[in-house]
């Protein structure tokens, strides 16, 4: 049994002994007590930037590129065939900018508009892109 201190209906303290500020008594298996004693971990936010090597390696590990394509991207900036369909959906000006970025950038930014467009093309939700960025940052 715990003596519970609440603020705005949220448990902010549990005590084994009576306290003048802890007016409620709950059993150890009460859902509110269990939740207080076992908080959910905070989600890990992806970094805002990853390297080109991390980006292409993560795509290869996910099977979105072959290992050889990923190596060519990093070594020479040669874009894989898998990107051609995506690039062809862009206007000429956008396509040139996208090719320059994908083949020449050494840092990719999570919040860059091309990241969203790339993710949309491959059916990735914002959460999926965050997962990719987090996976890549750990490589």
Protein backbone atom coordinates (compact mmCIF):
# COMPACT_ATOMS: atom_id res chain seq x y z
CA UNK A 1 0.00 0.00 0.00
CA UNK A 2 1.23 3.50 -0.90
CA UNK A 3 0.28 6.96 0.26
CA UNK A 4 -0.14 8.95 -2.93
CA UNK A 5 0.52 12.59 -3.63
CA UNK A 6 -1.20 13.98 -6.72
CA UNK A 7 -1.15 17.23 -8.59
CA UNK A 8 -3.82 17.85 -11.25
CA UNK A 9 -4.85 14.17 -10.97
CA UNK A 10 -1.29 13.02 -11.78
CA UNK A 11 0.77 11.09 -9.23
CA UNK A 12 3.84 13.10 -8.28
CA UNK A 13 4.90 11.09 -5.24
CA UNK A 14 4.48 7.71 -3.53
CA UNK A 15 5.25 7.08 0.13
CA UNK A 16 5.23 3.96 2.28
CA UNK A 17 4.43 6.01 5.39
CA UNK A 18 1.58 8.46 5.88
CA UNK A 19 2.37 12.02 4.85
CA UNK A 20 0.21 15.11 5.52
CA UNK A 21 0.30 15.98 1.79
CA UNK A 22 -0.43 12.43 0.57
CA UNK A 23 -4.13 11.95 1.20
CA UNK A 24 -4.88 9.00 -1.06
CA UNK A 25 -4.01 5.36 -0.37
CA UNK A 26 -3.55 2.91 -3.26
CA UNK A 27 -2.41 -0.69 -3.53
CA UNK A 28 0.87 -1.47 -5.29
CA UNK A 29 -0.96 -3.10 -8.22
CA UNK A 30 -3.23 -0.11 -8.88
CA UNK A 31 -2.73 0.96 -12.55
CA UNK A 32 -1.79 4.53 -11.56
CA UNK A 33 0.89 3.25 -9.16
CA UNK A 34 2.21 0.76 -11.72
CA UNK A 35 2.41 3.52 -14.36
CA UNK A 36 4.22 5.85 -11.95
CA UNK A 37 6.75 3.20 -10.96
CA UNK A 38 7.32 2.07 -14.57
CA UNK A 39 7.29 5.18 -16.77
CA UNK A 40 7.48 4.72 -20.50
CA UNK A 41 10.85 5.65 -21.96
CA UNK A 42 10.94 8.95 -23.77
CA UNK A 43 11.15 8.55 -27.54
CA UNK A 44 14.58 9.19 -28.98
CA UNK A 45 14.50 12.02 -31.48
CA UNK A 46 16.46 11.48 -34.66
CA UNK A 47 19.38 13.79 -35.30
CA UNK A 48 18.78 16.68 -37.66
CA UNK A 49 21.73 15.70 -39.87
CA UNK A 50 23.39 12.48 -41.02
CA UNK A 51 26.32 11.92 -43.34
CA UNK A 52 25.92 10.74 -46.92
CA UNK A 53 27.66 7.51 -45.92
CA UNK A 54 25.16 6.91 -43.12
CA UNK A 55 22.22 7.68 -45.43
CA UNK A 56 23.26 5.37 -48.25
CA UNK A 57 24.43 2.62 -45.89
CA UNK A 58 21.07 2.67 -44.07
CA UNK A 59 19.21 2.45 -47.38
CA UNK A 60 21.36 -0.53 -48.39
CA UNK A 61 20.82 -2.27 -45.07
CA UNK A 62 17.06 -1.79 -45.54
CA UNK A 63 17.27 -3.31 -49.03
CA UNK A 64 16.31 -0.07 -50.77
CA UNK A 65 19.69 -0.07 -52.58
CA UNK A 66 22.21 -2.78 -53.28
CA UNK A 67 25.47 -2.66 -51.36
CA UNK A 68 27.31 -1.85 -54.61
CA UNK A 69 24.93 1.02 -55.38
CA UNK A 70 25.47 2.45 -51.90
CA UNK A 71 29.24 2.21 -52.33
CA UNK A 72 29.08 3.98 -55.71
CA UNK A 73 26.96 6.75 -54.20
CA UNK A 74 29.55 7.40 -51.51
CA UNK A 75 32.65 6.89 -53.66
CA UNK A 76 31.69 8.71 -56.84
CA UNK A 77 28.28 10.28 -56.27
CA UNK A 78 26.75 8.00 -58.91
CA UNK A 79 23.05 7.75 -58.21
CA UNK A 80 21.43 4.31 -58.24
CA UNK A 81 18.78 3.26 -60.71
CA UNK A 82 16.35 3.05 -57.80
CA UNK A 83 16.38 6.86 -57.60
CA UNK A 84 15.65 7.48 -61.29
CA UNK A 85 11.87 7.06 -61.02
CA UNK A 86 11.78 9.46 -58.10
CA UNK A 87 13.94 12.05 -59.87
CA UNK A 88 11.77 11.91 -63.01
CA UNK A 89 8.74 13.07 -61.00
CA UNK A 90 10.42 16.43 -60.33
CA UNK A 91 10.48 19.49 -62.55
CA UNK A 92 13.71 20.04 -64.51
CA UNK A 93 14.94 22.62 -62.01
CA UNK A 94 14.00 20.45 -59.02
CA UNK A 95 15.59 17.41 -60.64
CA UNK A 96 18.90 19.20 -61.19
CA UNK A 97 18.93 20.44 -57.59
CA UNK A 98 18.02 16.98 -56.30
CA UNK A 99 20.75 15.31 -58.36
CA UNK A 100 23.30 17.86 -57.13
CA UNK A 101 22.26 17.27 -53.54
CA UNK A 102 22.05 13.48 -53.70
CA UNK A 103 25.31 13.07 -55.56
CA UNK A 104 27.35 15.84 -53.95
CA UNK A 105 26.21 16.55 -50.41
CA UNK A 106 28.19 15.08 -47.56
CA UNK A 107 25.48 15.91 -45.00
CA UNK A 108 21.78 15.20 -45.40
CA UNK A 109 19.27 17.17 -43.34
CA UNK A 110 16.14 15.57 -41.89
CA UNK A 111 14.08 18.74 -42.41
CA UNK A 112 15.16 19.39 -46.00
CA UNK A 113 12.15 19.44 -48.39
CA UNK A 114 13.81 16.79 -50.56
CA UNK A 115 13.83 14.40 -47.58
CA UNK A 116 10.05 14.62 -47.34
CA UNK A 117 9.62 14.27 -51.11
CA UNK A 118 11.95 11.26 -51.14
CA UNK A 119 10.05 9.69 -48.25
CA UNK A 120 6.67 10.35 -49.90
CA UNK A 121 7.83 8.72 -53.12
CA UNK A 122 8.93 5.60 -51.25
CA UNK A 123 5.73 5.49 -49.16
CA UNK A 124 7.45 6.50 -45.94
CA UNK A 125 5.56 8.34 -43.21
CA UNK A 126 7.36 11.06 -41.22
CA UNK A 127 7.81 8.47 -38.47
CA UNK A 128 9.41 6.06 -40.98
CA UNK A 129 11.83 8.78 -42.07
CA UNK A 130 12.66 9.48 -38.42
CA UNK A 131 13.38 5.77 -37.94
CA UNK A 132 15.66 5.78 -40.99
CA UNK A 133 17.52 8.85 -39.69
CA UNK A 134 17.89 7.29 -36.25
CA UNK A 135 19.12 3.98 -37.69
CA UNK A 136 21.55 5.81 -39.96
CA UNK A 137 22.89 7.93 -37.11
CA UNK A 138 23.90 4.77 -35.27
CA UNK A 139 26.00 3.42 -38.16
